[in-house]
N, C-alpha and C. Protein backbone atom coordinates (compact mmCIF):
# COMPACT_ATOMS: atom_id res chain seq x y z
N MET A 1 -1.16 -22.78 -7.18
CA MET A 1 -1.58 -22.53 -8.67
C MET A 1 -0.41 -23.21 -9.55
N LEU A 2 -0.72 -23.52 -10.64
CA LEU A 2 0.14 -24.11 -11.56
C LEU A 2 1.43 -23.21 -11.57
N GLY A 3 2.86 -23.62 -11.46
CA GLY A 3 3.82 -23.02 -11.50
C GLY A 3 4.43 -22.66 -10.04
N GLY A 4 3.75 -23.03 -9.03
CA GLY A 4 4.07 -22.75 -7.71
C GLY A 4 3.68 -21.56 -7.08
N SER A 5 3.06 -20.65 -7.81
CA SER A 5 2.60 -19.60 -7.17
C SER A 5 1.26 -19.69 -6.38
N TYR A 6 0.82 -18.65 -5.46
CA TYR A 6 -0.25 -18.81 -4.64
C TYR A 6 -1.04 -17.60 -4.60
N VAL A 7 -2.40 -17.82 -4.26
CA VAL A 7 -3.33 -16.65 -4.01
C VAL A 7 -3.61 -16.46 -2.74
N ASN A 8 -3.43 -15.57 -1.84
CA ASN A 8 -3.96 -15.37 -0.48
C ASN A 8 -5.48 -14.94 -0.62
N SER A 9 -6.02 -16.01 0.22
CA SER A 9 -7.60 -15.64 0.19
C SER A 9 -7.77 -15.12 1.39
N GLN A 10 -8.25 -13.72 1.41
CA GLN A 10 -8.68 -12.91 2.76
C GLN A 10 -9.49 -11.74 2.26
N ALA A 11 -9.99 -11.21 3.11
CA ALA A 11 -10.99 -9.81 2.73
C ALA A 11 -9.95 -8.83 2.42
N PHE A 12 -10.41 -8.11 1.16
CA PHE A 12 -9.56 -6.99 0.82
C PHE A 12 -10.51 -5.65 0.86
N SER A 13 -9.81 -4.55 1.03
CA SER A 13 -10.65 -3.31 0.91
C SER A 13 -10.82 -3.22 -0.64
N ALA A 14 -11.58 -2.16 -1.08
CA ALA A 14 -11.82 -1.94 -2.29
C ALA A 14 -10.53 -1.69 -3.10
N GLU A 15 -9.69 -0.85 -2.55
CA GLU A 15 -8.49 -0.49 -2.93
C GLU A 15 -7.46 -1.68 -3.22
N GLN A 16 -7.54 -2.55 -2.40
CA GLN A 16 -6.53 -3.63 -2.37
C GLN A 16 -6.95 -4.58 -3.35
N LEU A 17 -8.37 -4.70 -3.52
CA LEU A 17 -8.96 -5.75 -4.56
C LEU A 17 -8.38 -5.16 -5.98
N ALA A 18 -8.69 -3.73 -6.28
CA ALA A 18 -8.33 -3.16 -7.46
C ALA A 18 -6.89 -3.36 -7.85
N SER A 19 -5.99 -3.35 -6.66
CA SER A 19 -4.57 -3.49 -6.83
C SER A 19 -4.37 -4.89 -7.35
N GLU A 20 -4.97 -5.92 -6.74
CA GLU A 20 -4.67 -7.21 -7.00
C GLU A 20 -5.34 -7.57 -8.50
N GLN A 21 -6.41 -7.07 -8.65
CA GLN A 21 -6.86 -7.40 -9.87
C GLN A 21 -6.16 -6.57 -11.29
N ALA A 22 -5.47 -5.69 -10.98
CA ALA A 22 -4.60 -5.04 -11.82
C ALA A 22 -3.26 -5.66 -12.11
N ARG A 23 -3.02 -6.73 -11.41
CA ARG A 23 -1.76 -7.62 -11.74
C ARG A 23 -1.74 -8.10 -13.06
N VAL A 24 -0.72 -8.33 -13.64
CA VAL A 24 -0.79 -8.95 -14.98
C VAL A 24 -0.17 -10.40 -15.04
N ASP A 25 -0.39 -11.22 -13.94
CA ASP A 25 -0.06 -12.34 -13.81
C ASP A 25 -1.17 -13.13 -13.67
N ARG A 26 -0.98 -14.68 -13.19
CA ARG A 26 -2.05 -15.71 -12.85
C ARG A 26 -2.92 -15.12 -11.98
N ALA A 27 -2.35 -14.66 -10.73
CA ALA A 27 -3.12 -14.28 -9.58
C ALA A 27 -4.09 -13.05 -10.00
N GLY A 28 -3.57 -12.20 -10.81
CA GLY A 28 -4.54 -11.12 -11.32
C GLY A 28 -5.64 -11.75 -11.94
N ASP A 29 -5.26 -12.64 -12.68
CA ASP A 29 -6.31 -13.28 -13.60
C ASP A 29 -7.42 -13.97 -12.78
N VAL A 30 -6.79 -14.62 -11.52
CA VAL A 30 -7.84 -15.29 -10.58
C VAL A 30 -8.63 -14.07 -9.87
N TYR A 31 -8.15 -12.96 -9.41
CA TYR A 31 -8.92 -12.08 -8.79
C TYR A 31 -10.05 -11.31 -9.86
N ARG A 32 -9.63 -11.26 -10.90
CA ARG A 32 -10.70 -10.78 -12.10
C ARG A 32 -11.66 -11.90 -12.33
N CYS A 33 -11.35 -13.11 -12.26
CA CYS A 33 -12.37 -14.13 -12.62
C CYS A 33 -13.50 -14.27 -11.39
N ALA A 34 -12.68 -14.11 -10.28
CA ALA A 34 -13.62 -14.20 -9.11
C ALA A 34 -14.70 -13.01 -8.92
N GLN A 35 -14.18 -11.97 -9.48
CA GLN A 35 -15.26 -10.58 -9.35
C GLN A 35 -16.13 -10.99 -10.63
N GLN A 36 -15.77 -11.53 -11.56
CA GLN A 36 -16.88 -11.82 -12.86
C GLN A 36 -17.86 -12.84 -12.04
N ILE A 37 -17.42 -13.57 -11.24
CA ILE A 37 -18.37 -14.86 -10.91
C ILE A 37 -19.28 -14.09 -9.72
N ALA A 38 -18.61 -13.18 -8.91
CA ALA A 38 -19.46 -12.69 -7.96
C ALA A 38 -20.41 -11.66 -8.48
N ASP A 39 -20.15 -11.13 -9.63
CA ASP A 39 -21.05 -10.03 -10.33
C ASP A 39 -22.21 -10.88 -10.94
């Protein structure tokens, strides 16, 4: 991603996904956006 950070693409449990979506950085934005697309 922009700025050199990365997102690990792997299967998450519901708890892990919620934790990743709660992040306040760009990676959290990515996980929230992906969830919206999937819904």
